[in-house]
């Protein structure tokens, strides 16, 4: 699908679901995972976040979070960077 949408031969893909999150690319004749979440998947985190905010599941929690974010005016400065491609999302909701 990434090839069809972007017209790139070997696009980098962010695979997000309720149980998995991976940064994947096709390299040297095979798909490689360059990074992933090391605890809670991003999709699962978004589902939990929507429940905390009491957002509807219709049409989807992620869609409703996105619509709510479009109305936001305040951005948070993130004071540090993470080396590598693995990420941890477990502390976001606490």
PDB file of N, CA and C in Angstrom:
ATOM      1  N   UNK A   1       0.823  -1.187   0.000  1.00  0.00           N
ATOM      2  CA  UNK A   1       0.000   0.000   0.000  1.00  0.00           C
ATOM      3  C   UNK A   1       0.870   1.255   0.000  1.00  0.00           C
ATOM      4  N   UNK A   2       1.969   1.225   0.765  1.00  0.00           N
ATOM      5  CA  UNK A   2       2.871   2.373   0.789  1.00  0.00           C
ATOM      6  C   UNK A   2       3.419   2.708  -0.578  1.00  0.00           C
ATOM      7  N   UNK A   3       3.698   1.691  -1.366  1.00  0.00           N
ATOM      8  CA  UNK A   3       4.205   1.924  -2.724  1.00  0.00           C
ATOM      9  C   UNK A   3       3.145   2.579  -3.600  1.00  0.00           C
ATOM     10  N   UNK A   4       1.905   2.148  -3.461  1.00  0.00           N
ATOM     11  CA  UNK A   4       0.824   2.714  -4.273  1.00  0.00           C
ATOM     12  C   UNK A   4       0.564   4.170  -3.921  1.00  0.00           C
ATOM     13  N   UNK A   5       0.567   4.477  -2.638  1.00  0.00           N
ATOM     14  CA  UNK A   5       0.240   5.837  -2.199  1.00  0.00           C
ATOM     15  C   UNK A   5       1.378   6.808  -2.481  1.00  0.00           C
ATOM     16  N   UNK A   6       2.614   6.411  -2.164  1.00  0.00           N
ATOM     17  CA  UNK A   6       3.745   7.334  -2.265  1.00  0.00           C
ATOM     18  C   UNK A   6       4.498   7.267  -3.581  1.00  0.00           C
ATOM     19  N   UNK A   7       4.276   6.202  -4.348  1.00  0.00           N
ATOM     20  CA  UNK A   7       5.016   5.959  -5.591  1.00  0.00           C
ATOM     21  C   UNK A   7       6.504   5.692  -5.332  1.00  0.00           C
ATOM     22  N   UNK A   8       6.882   5.426  -4.083  1.00  0.00           N
ATOM     23  CA  UNK A   8       8.264   5.074  -3.735  1.00  0.00           C
ATOM     24  C   UNK A   8       8.482   3.582  -3.949  1.00  0.00           C
ATOM     25  N   UNK A   9       9.680   3.210  -4.342  1.00  0.00           N
ATOM     26  CA  UNK A   9       9.994   1.793  -4.515  1.00  0.00           C
ATOM     27  C   UNK A   9      10.073   1.061  -3.180  1.00  0.00           C
ATOM     28  N   UNK A  10      10.738   1.666  -2.202  1.00  0.00           N
ATOM     29  CA  UNK A  10      10.934   1.031  -0.899  1.00  0.00           C
ATOM     30  C   UNK A  10      10.586   2.002   0.231  1.00  0.00           C
ATOM     31  N   UNK A  11       9.296   2.259   0.463  1.00  0.00           N
ATOM     32  CA  UNK A  11       8.920   3.216   1.502  1.00  0.00           C
ATOM     33  C   UNK A  11       9.147   2.658   2.909  1.00  0.00           C
ATOM     34  N   UNK A  12       9.379   3.550   3.844  1.00  0.00           N
ATOM     35  CA  UNK A  12       9.394   3.178   5.256  1.00  0.00           C
ATOM     36  C   UNK A  12       7.953   3.199   5.729  1.00  0.00           C
ATOM     37  N   UNK A  13       7.568   2.197   6.502  1.00  0.00           N
ATOM     38  CA  UNK A  13       6.180   2.036   6.916  1.00  0.00           C
ATOM     39  C   UNK A  13       6.087   2.075   8.432  1.00  0.00           C
ATOM     40  N   UNK A  14       5.108   2.785   8.955  1.00  0.00           N
ATOM     41  CA  UNK A  14       4.784   2.735  10.378  1.00  0.00           C
ATOM     42  C   UNK A  14       3.554   1.860  10.510  1.00  0.00           C
ATOM     43  N   UNK A  15       3.738   0.667  11.049  1.00  0.00           N
ATOM     44  CA  UNK A  15       2.635  -0.279  11.250  1.00  0.00           C
ATOM     45  C   UNK A  15       2.096  -0.063  12.656  1.00  0.00           C
ATOM     46  N   UNK A  16       0.835   0.353  12.745  1.00  0.00           N
ATOM     47  CA  UNK A  16       0.218   0.651  14.036  1.00  0.00           C
ATOM     48  C   UNK A  16      -1.049  -0.165  14.178  1.00  0.00           C
ATOM     49  N   UNK A  17      -1.156  -0.890  15.272  1.00  0.00           N
ATOM     50  CA  UNK A  17      -2.384  -1.623  15.586  1.00  0.00           C
ATOM     51  C   UNK A  17      -2.561  -1.597  17.097  1.00  0.00           C
ATOM     52  N   UNK A  18      -3.613  -2.222  17.574  1.00  0.00           N
ATOM     53  CA  UNK A  18      -3.840  -2.281  19.014  1.00  0.00           C
ATOM     54  C   UNK A  18      -2.789  -3.071  19.749  1.00  0.00           C
ATOM     55  N   UNK A  19      -2.130  -4.002  19.066  1.00  0.00           N
ATOM     56  CA  UNK A  19      -1.166  -4.859  19.741  1.00  0.00           C
ATOM     57  C   UNK A  19       0.270  -4.705  19.291  1.00  0.00           C
ATOM     58  N   UNK A  20       0.504  -4.038  18.162  1.00  0.00           N
ATOM     59  CA  UNK A  20       1.867  -3.917  17.627  1.00  0.00           C
ATOM     60  C   UNK A  20       2.102  -2.531  17.050  1.00  0.00           C
ATOM     61  N   UNK A  21       3.334  -2.083  17.136  1.00  0.00           N
ATOM     62  CA  UNK A  21       3.775  -0.874  16.455  1.00  0.00           C
ATOM     63  C   UNK A  21       5.199  -1.125  15.995  1.00  0.00           C
ATOM     64  N   UNK A  22       5.433  -0.975  14.694  1.00  0.00           N
ATOM     65  CA  UNK A  22       6.762  -1.249  14.151  1.00  0.00           C
ATOM     66  C   UNK A  22       7.096  -0.261  13.040  1.00  0.00           C
ATOM     67  N   UNK A  23       8.387   0.114  12.957  1.00  0.00           N
ATOM     68  CA  UNK A  23       8.915   0.888  11.848  1.00  0.00           C
ATOM     69  C   UNK A  23       9.567  -0.122  10.914  1.00  0.00           C
ATOM     70  N   UNK A  24       9.012  -0.295   9.719  1.00  0.00           N
ATOM     71  CA  UNK A  24       9.432  -1.359   8.809  1.00  0.00           C
ATOM     72  C   UNK A  24       9.862  -0.754   7.471  1.00  0.00           C
ATOM     73  N   UNK A  25      10.893  -1.332   6.880  1.00  0.00           N
ATOM     74  CA  UNK A  25      11.317  -0.926   5.537  1.00  0.00           C
ATOM     75  C   UNK A  25      11.843  -2.143   4.798  1.00  0.00           C
ATOM     76  N   UNK A  26      11.787  -2.072   3.481  1.00  0.00           N
ATOM     77  CA  UNK A  26      12.312  -3.134   2.632  1.00  0.00           C
ATOM     78  C   UNK A  26      13.754  -2.785   2.313  1.00  0.00           C
ATOM     79  N   UNK A  27      14.670  -3.646   2.706  1.00  0.00           N
ATOM     80  CA  UNK A  27      16.088  -3.376   2.513  1.00  0.00           C
ATOM     81  C   UNK A  27      16.827  -4.681   2.248  1.00  0.00           C
ATOM     82  N   UNK A  28      17.679  -4.687   1.253  1.00  0.00           N
ATOM     83  CA  UNK A  28      18.501  -5.844   0.910  1.00  0.00           C
ATOM     84  C   UNK A  28      17.654  -7.107   0.717  1.00  0.00           C
ATOM     85  N   UNK A  29      16.611  -6.965  -0.091  1.00  0.00           N
ATOM     86  CA  UNK A  29      15.729  -8.068  -0.496  1.00  0.00           C
ATOM     87  C   UNK A  29      14.902  -8.683   0.624  1.00  0.00           C
ATOM     88  N   UNK A  30      14.672  -7.949   1.687  1.00  0.00           N
ATOM     89  CA  UNK A  30      13.775  -8.444   2.736  1.00  0.00           C
ATOM     90  C   UNK A  30      13.242  -7.274   3.558  1.00  0.00           C
ATOM     91  N   UNK A  31      12.138  -7.516   4.237  1.00  0.00           N
ATOM     92  CA  UNK A  31      11.583  -6.502   5.121  1.00  0.00           C
ATOM     93  C   UNK A  31      12.342  -6.536   6.439  1.00  0.00           C
ATOM     94  N   UNK A  32      12.658  -5.359   6.952  1.00  0.00           N
ATOM     95  CA  UNK A  32      13.399  -5.262   8.207  1.00  0.00           C
ATOM     96  C   UNK A  32      12.635  -4.377   9.180  1.00  0.00           C
ATOM     97  N   UNK A  33      12.641  -4.782  10.431  1.00  0.00           N
ATOM     98  CA  UNK A  33      12.051  -3.971  11.494  1.00  0.00           C
ATOM     99  C   UNK A  33      13.169  -3.099  12.050  1.00  0.00           C
ATOM    100  N   UNK A  34      13.025  -1.788  11.873  1.00  0.00           N
ATOM    101  CA  UNK A  34      14.045  -0.858  12.340  1.00  0.00           C
ATOM    102  C   UNK A  34      13.782  -0.380  13.756  1.00  0.00           C
ATOM    103  N   UNK A  35      12.567  -0.483  14.207  1.00  0.00           N
ATOM    104  CA  UNK A  35      12.227  -0.085  15.565  1.00  0.00           C
ATOM    105  C   UNK A  35      10.804  -0.491  15.876  1.00  0.00           C
ATOM    106  N   UNK A  36      10.497  -0.524  17.171  1.00  0.00           N
ATOM    107  CA  UNK A  36       9.148  -0.888  17.604  1.00  0.00           C
ATOM    108  C   UNK A  36       8.918  -0.374  19.012  1.00  0.00           C
ATOM    109  N   UNK A  37       7.683  -0.443  19.462  1.00  0.00           N
ATOM    110  CA  UNK A  37       7.413  -0.072  20.843  1.00  0.00           C
ATOM    111  C   UNK A  37       7.896  -1.208  21.731  1.00  0.00           C
ATOM    112  N   UNK A  38       8.448  -0.847  22.874  1.00  0.00           N
ATOM    113  CA  UNK A  38       9.009  -1.860  23.754  1.00  0.00           C
ATOM    114  C   UNK A  38       8.076  -2.216  24.902  1.00  0.00           C
ATOM    115  N   UNK A  39       6.912  -1.592  24.958  1.00  0.00           N
ATOM    116  CA  UNK A  39       5.949  -1.942  25.998  1.00  0.00           C
ATOM    117  C   UNK A  39       4.531  -1.937  25.422  1.00  0.00           C
ATOM    118  N   UNK A  40       3.821  -0.853  25.515  1.00  0.00           N
ATOM    119  CA  UNK A  40       2.438  -0.761  25.027  1.00  0.00           C
ATOM    120  C   UNK A  40       2.438  -0.259  23.580  1.00  0.00           C
ATOM    121  N   UNK A  41       1.634  -0.865  22.741  1.00  0.00           N
ATOM    122  CA  UNK A  41       1.535  -0.444  21.343  1.00  0.00           C
ATOM    123  C   UNK A  41       0.835   0.909  21.241  1.00  0.00           C
ATOM    124  N   UNK A  42       1.156   1.669  20.205  1.00  0.00           N
ATOM    125  CA  UNK A  42       0.564   2.998  20.037  1.00  0.00           C
ATOM    126  C   UNK A  42      -0.953   2.914  19.894  1.00  0.00           C
ATOM    127  N   UNK A  43      -1.451   1.930  19.145  1.00  0.00           N
ATOM    128  CA  UNK A  43      -2.903   1.772  19.002  1.00  0.00           C
ATOM    129  C   UNK A  43      -3.578   1.512  20.334  1.00  0.00           C
ATOM    130  N   UNK A  44      -2.971   0.674  21.165  1.00  0.00           N
ATOM    131  CA  UNK A  44      -3.504   0.387  22.494  1.00  0.00           C
ATOM    132  C   UNK A  44      -3.463   1.641  23.360  1.00  0.00           C
ATOM    133  N   UNK A  45      -2.381   2.405  23.261  1.00  0.00           N
ATOM    134  CA  UNK A  45      -2.251   3.651  24.017  1.00  0.00           C
ATOM    135  C   UNK A  45      -3.340   4.645  23.614  1.00  0.00           C
ATOM    136  N   UNK A  46      -3.601   4.768  22.314  1.00  0.00           N
ATOM    137  CA  UNK A  46      -4.656   5.675  21.848  1.00  0.00           C
ATOM    138  C   UNK A  46      -6.029   5.224  22.337  1.00  0.00           C
ATOM    139  N   UNK A  47      -6.284   3.922  22.330  1.00  0.00           N
ATOM    140  CA  UNK A  47      -7.559   3.402  22.836  1.00  0.00           C
ATOM    141  C   UNK A  47      -7.735   3.741  24.311  1.00  0.00           C
ATOM    142  N   UNK A  48      -6.684   3.555  25.097  1.00  0.00           N
ATOM    143  CA  UNK A  48      -6.755   3.865  26.536  1.00  0.00           C
ATOM    144  C   UNK A  48      -6.949   5.360  26.766  1.00  0.00           C
ATOM    145  N   UNK A  49      -6.218   6.166  25.986  1.00  0.00           N
ATOM    146  CA  UNK A  49      -6.332   7.618  26.105  1.00  0.00           C
ATOM    147  C   UNK A  49      -7.756   8.073  25.807  1.00  0.00           C
ATOM    148  N   UNK A  50      -8.364   7.512  24.781  1.00  0.00           N
ATOM    149  CA  UNK A  50      -9.748   7.855  24.429  1.00  0.00           C
ATOM    150  C   UNK A  50     -10.704   7.484  25.561  1.00  0.00           C
ATOM    151  N   UNK A  51     -10.469   6.348  26.209  1.00  0.00           N
ATOM    152  CA  UNK A  51     -11.320   5.954  27.342  1.00  0.00           C
ATOM    153  C   UNK A  51     -11.174   6.920  28.509  1.00  0.00           C
ATOM    154  N   UNK A  52      -9.930   7.369  28.780  1.00  0.00           N
ATOM    155  CA  UNK A  52      -9.698   8.332  29.861  1.00  0.00           C
ATOM    156  C   UNK A  52     -10.472   9.623  29.590  1.00  0.00           C
ATOM    157  N   UNK A  53     -10.490  10.056  28.332  1.00  0.00           N
ATOM    158  CA  UNK A  53     -11.205  11.282  27.953  1.00  0.00           C
ATOM    159  C   UNK A  53     -12.690  11.057  27.703  1.00  0.00           C
ATOM    160  N   UNK A  54     -13.126   9.796  27.814  1.00  0.00           N
ATOM    161  CA  UNK A  54     -14.525   9.424  27.570  1.00  0.00           C
ATOM    162  C   UNK A  54     -14.974   9.796  26.152  1.00  0.00           C
ATOM    163  N   UNK A  55     -14.088   9.554  25.182  1.00  0.00           N
ATOM    164  CA  UNK A  55     -14.416   9.795  23.782  1.00  0.00           C
ATOM    165  C   UNK A  55     -15.151   8.596  23.202  1.00  0.00           C
ATOM    166  N   UNK A  56     -15.972   8.852  22.231  1.00  0.00           N
ATOM    167  CA  UNK A  56     -16.748   7.805  21.574  1.00  0.00           C
ATOM    168  C   UNK A  56     -15.853   6.891  20.736  1.00  0.00           C
ATOM    169  N   UNK A  57     -16.293   5.655  20.570  1.00  0.00           N
ATOM    170  CA  UNK A  57     -15.613   4.715  19.671  1.00  0.00           C
ATOM    171  C   UNK A  57     -16.131   4.835  18.243  1.00  0.00           C
ATOM    172  N   UNK A  58     -17.065   5.734  17.998  1.00  0.00           N
ATOM    173  CA  UNK A  58     -17.670   5.884  16.685  1.00  0.00           C
ATOM    174  C   UNK A  58     -17.149   7.158  16.024  1.00  0.00           C
ATOM    175  N   UNK A  59     -16.486   7.140  14.905  1.00  0.00           N
ATOM    176  CA  UNK A  59     -16.158   5.987  14.090  1.00  0.00           C
ATOM    177  C   UNK A  59     -14.957   5.204  14.624  1.00  0.00           C
ATOM    178  N   UNK A  60     -14.019   5.884  15.329  1.00  0.00           N
ATOM    179  CA  UNK A  60     -12.907   5.177  15.971  1.00  0.00           C
ATOM    180  C   UNK A  60     -12.279   6.108  17.002  1.00  0.00           C
ATOM    181  N   UNK A  61     -11.660   5.540  18.046  1.00  0.00           N
ATOM    182  CA  UNK A  61     -11.021   6.392  19.054  1.00  0.00           C
ATOM    183  C   UNK A  61      -9.926   7.280  18.453  1.00  0.00           C
ATOM    184  N   UNK A  62      -9.107   6.722  17.566  1.00  0.00           N
ATOM    185  CA  UNK A  62      -8.024   7.500  16.960  1.00  0.00           C
ATOM    186  C   UNK A  62      -8.530   8.687  16.160  1.00  0.00           C
ATOM    187  N   UNK A  63      -9.609   8.489  15.426  1.00  0.00           N
ATOM    188  CA  UNK A  63     -10.206   9.576  14.641  1.00  0.00           C
ATOM    189  C   UNK A  63     -10.688  10.690  15.572  1.00  0.00           C
ATOM    190  N   UNK A  64     -11.348  10.309  16.655  1.00  0.00           N
ATOM    191  CA  UNK A  64     -11.879  11.304  17.588  1.00  0.00           C
ATOM    192  C   UNK A  64     -10.762  12.053  18.312  1.00  0.00           C
ATOM    193  N   UNK A  65      -9.664  11.375  18.623  1.00  0.00           N
ATOM    194  CA  UNK A  65      -8.507  12.050  19.218  1.00  0.00           C
ATOM    195  C   UNK A  65      -7.926  13.046  18.220  1.00  0.00           C
ATOM    196  N   UNK A  66      -7.816  12.657  16.964  1.00  0.00           N
ATOM    197  CA  UNK A  66      -7.282  13.536  15.921  1.00  0.00           C
ATOM    198  C   UNK A  66      -8.138  14.794  15.766  1.00  0.00           C
ATOM    199  N   UNK A  67      -9.456  14.629  15.750  1.00  0.00           N
ATOM    200  CA  UNK A  67     -10.355  15.784  15.619  1.00  0.00           C
ATOM    201  C   UNK A  67     -10.221  16.713  16.821  1.00  0.00           C
ATOM    202  N   UNK A  68     -10.064  16.144  18.001  1.00  0.00           N
ATOM    203  CA  UNK A  68      -9.888  16.944  19.209  1.00  0.00           C
ATOM    204  C   UNK A  68      -8.545  17.688  19.168  1.00  0.00           C
ATOM    205  N   UNK A  69      -7.501  17.023  18.678  1.00  0.00           N
ATOM    206  CA  UNK A  69      -6.170  17.632  18.602  1.00  0.00           C
ATOM    207  C   UNK A  69      -6.140  18.807  17.627  1.00  0.00           C
ATOM    208  N   UNK A  70      -6.930  18.745  16.574  1.00  0.00           N
ATOM    209  CA  UNK A  70      -6.970  19.844  15.601  1.00  0.00           C
ATOM    210  C   UNK A  70      -7.439  21.146  16.236  1.00  0.00           C
ATOM    211  N   UNK A  71      -8.195  21.061  17.313  1.00  0.00           N
ATOM    212  CA  UNK A  71      -8.704  22.249  18.004  1.00  0.00           C
ATOM    213  C   UNK A  71      -7.696  22.816  18.997  1.00  0.00           C
ATOM    214  N   UNK A  72      -6.636  22.068  19.297  1.00  0.00           N
ATOM    215  CA  UNK A  72      -5.660  22.479  20.303  1.00  0.00           C
ATOM    216  C   UNK A  72      -4.799  23.644  19.854  1.00  0.00           C
ATOM    217  N   UNK A  73      -4.383  24.449  20.813  1.00  0.00           N
ATOM    218  CA  UNK A  73      -3.532  25.610  20.543  1.00  0.00           C
ATOM    219  C   UNK A  73      -2.208  25.538  21.303  1.00  0.00           C
ATOM    220  N   UNK A  74      -2.132  24.686  22.321  1.00  0.00           N
ATOM    221  CA  UNK A  74      -0.950  24.632  23.180  1.00  0.00           C
ATOM    222  C   UNK A  74      -0.112  23.398  22.844  1.00  0.00           C
ATOM    223  N   UNK A  75       1.160  23.614  22.561  1.00  0.00           N
ATOM    224  CA  UNK A  75       2.068  22.521  22.248  1.00  0.00           C
ATOM    225  C   UNK A  75       3.056  22.343  23.393  1.00  0.00           C
ATOM    226  N   UNK A  76       3.416  21.113  23.660  1.00  0.00           N
ATOM    227  CA  UNK A  76       4.389  20.820  24.705  1.00  0.00           C
ATOM    228  C   UNK A  76       5.779  20.691  24.099  1.00  0.00           C
ATOM    229  N   UNK A  77       6.747  21.309  24.751  1.00  0.00           N
ATOM    230  CA  UNK A  77       8.137  21.142  24.340  1.00  0.00           C
ATOM    231  C   UNK A  77       8.654  19.856  24.968  1.00  0.00           C
ATOM    232  N   UNK A  78       9.179  18.955  24.155  1.00  0.00           N
ATOM    233  CA  UNK A  78       9.755  17.719  24.671  1.00  0.00           C
ATOM    234  C   UNK A  78      11.246  17.957  24.884  1.00  0.00           C
ATOM    235  N   UNK A  79      11.712  17.864  26.136  1.00  0.00           N
ATOM    236  CA  UNK A  79      13.058  18.316  26.483  1.00  0.00           C
ATOM    237  C   UNK A  79      14.207  17.383  26.111  1.00  0.00           C
ATOM    238  N   UNK A  80      13.927  16.227  25.576  1.00  0.00           N
ATOM    239  CA  UNK A  80      15.018  15.297  25.268  1.00  0.00           C
ATOM    240  C   UNK A  80      14.687  14.478  24.035  1.00  0.00           C
ATOM    241  N   UNK A  81      15.686  13.852  23.495  1.00  0.00           N
ATOM    242  CA  UNK A  81      15.494  12.968  22.355  1.00  0.00           C
ATOM    243  C   UNK A  81      15.897  11.553  22.747  1.00  0.00           C
ATOM    244  N   UNK A  82      15.360  10.599  22.031  1.00  0.00           N
ATOM    245  CA  UNK A  82      15.670   9.197  22.274  1.00  0.00           C
ATOM    246  C   UNK A  82      16.536   8.708  21.128  1.00  0.00           C
ATOM    247  N   UNK A  83      17.624   8.048  21.453  1.00  0.00           N
ATOM    248  CA  UNK A  83      18.489   7.500  20.409  1.00  0.00           C
ATOM    249  C   UNK A  83      17.964   6.137  20.011  1.00  0.00           C
ATOM    250  N   UNK A  84      18.005   5.852  18.729  1.00  0.00           N
ATOM    251  CA  UNK A  84      17.482   4.594  18.233  1.00  0.00           C
ATOM    252  C   UNK A  84      16.040   4.751  17.787  1.00  0.00           C
ATOM    253  N   UNK A  85      15.455   3.668  17.346  1.00  0.00           N
ATOM    254  CA  UNK A  85      14.100   3.708  16.811  1.00  0.00           C
ATOM    255  C   UNK A  85      13.060   3.097  17.739  1.00  0.00           C
ATOM    256  N   UNK A  86      13.479   2.416  18.809  1.00  0.00           N
ATOM    257  CA  UNK A  86      12.514   1.843  19.737  1.00  0.00           C
ATOM    258  C   UNK A  86      11.952   2.944  20.626  1.00  0.00           C
ATOM    259  N   UNK A  87      10.672   2.853  20.934  1.00  0.00           N
ATOM    260  CA  UNK A  87      10.022   3.852  21.775  1.00  0.00           C
ATOM    261  C   UNK A  87       9.243   3.165  22.888  1.00  0.00           C
ATOM    262  N   UNK A  88       9.055   3.908  23.970  1.00  0.00           N
ATOM    263  CA  UNK A  88       8.261   3.430  25.096  1.00  0.00           C
ATOM    264  C   UNK A  88       7.082   4.374  25.266  1.00  0.00           C
ATOM    265  N   UNK A  89       5.887   3.825  25.345  1.00  0.00           N
ATOM    266  CA  UNK A  89       4.679   4.644  25.485  1.00  0.00           C
ATOM    267  C   UNK A  89       4.000   4.438  26.837  1.00  0.00           C
ATOM    268  N   UNK A  90       4.582   3.631  27.718  1.00  0.00           N
ATOM    269  CA  UNK A  90       3.888   3.248  28.946  1.00  0.00           C
ATOM    270  C   UNK A  90       3.642   4.414  29.895  1.00  0.00           C
ATOM    271  N   UNK A  91       4.472   5.442  29.900  1.00  0.00           N
ATOM    272  CA  UNK A  91       4.301   6.544  30.831  1.00  0.00           C
ATOM    273  C   UNK A  91       3.453   7.690  30.320  1.00  0.00           C
ATOM    274  N   UNK A  92       2.946   7.601  29.122  1.00  0.00           N
ATOM    275  CA  UNK A  92       2.202   8.712  28.531  1.00  0.00           C
ATOM    276  C   UNK A  92       0.916   9.018  29.291  1.00  0.00           C
ATOM    277  N   UNK A  93       0.228   8.013  29.767  1.00  0.00           N
ATOM    278  CA  UNK A  93      -1.077   8.223  30.391  1.00  0.00           C
ATOM    279  C   UNK A  93      -1.016   8.420  31.895  1.00  0.00           C
ATOM    280  N   UNK A  94       0.170   8.399  32.480  1.00  0.00           N
ATOM    281  CA  UNK A  94       0.253   8.476  33.944  1.00  0.00           C
ATOM    282  C   UNK A  94       0.932   9.717  34.411  1.00  0.00           C
TER     283      UNK A  94
END
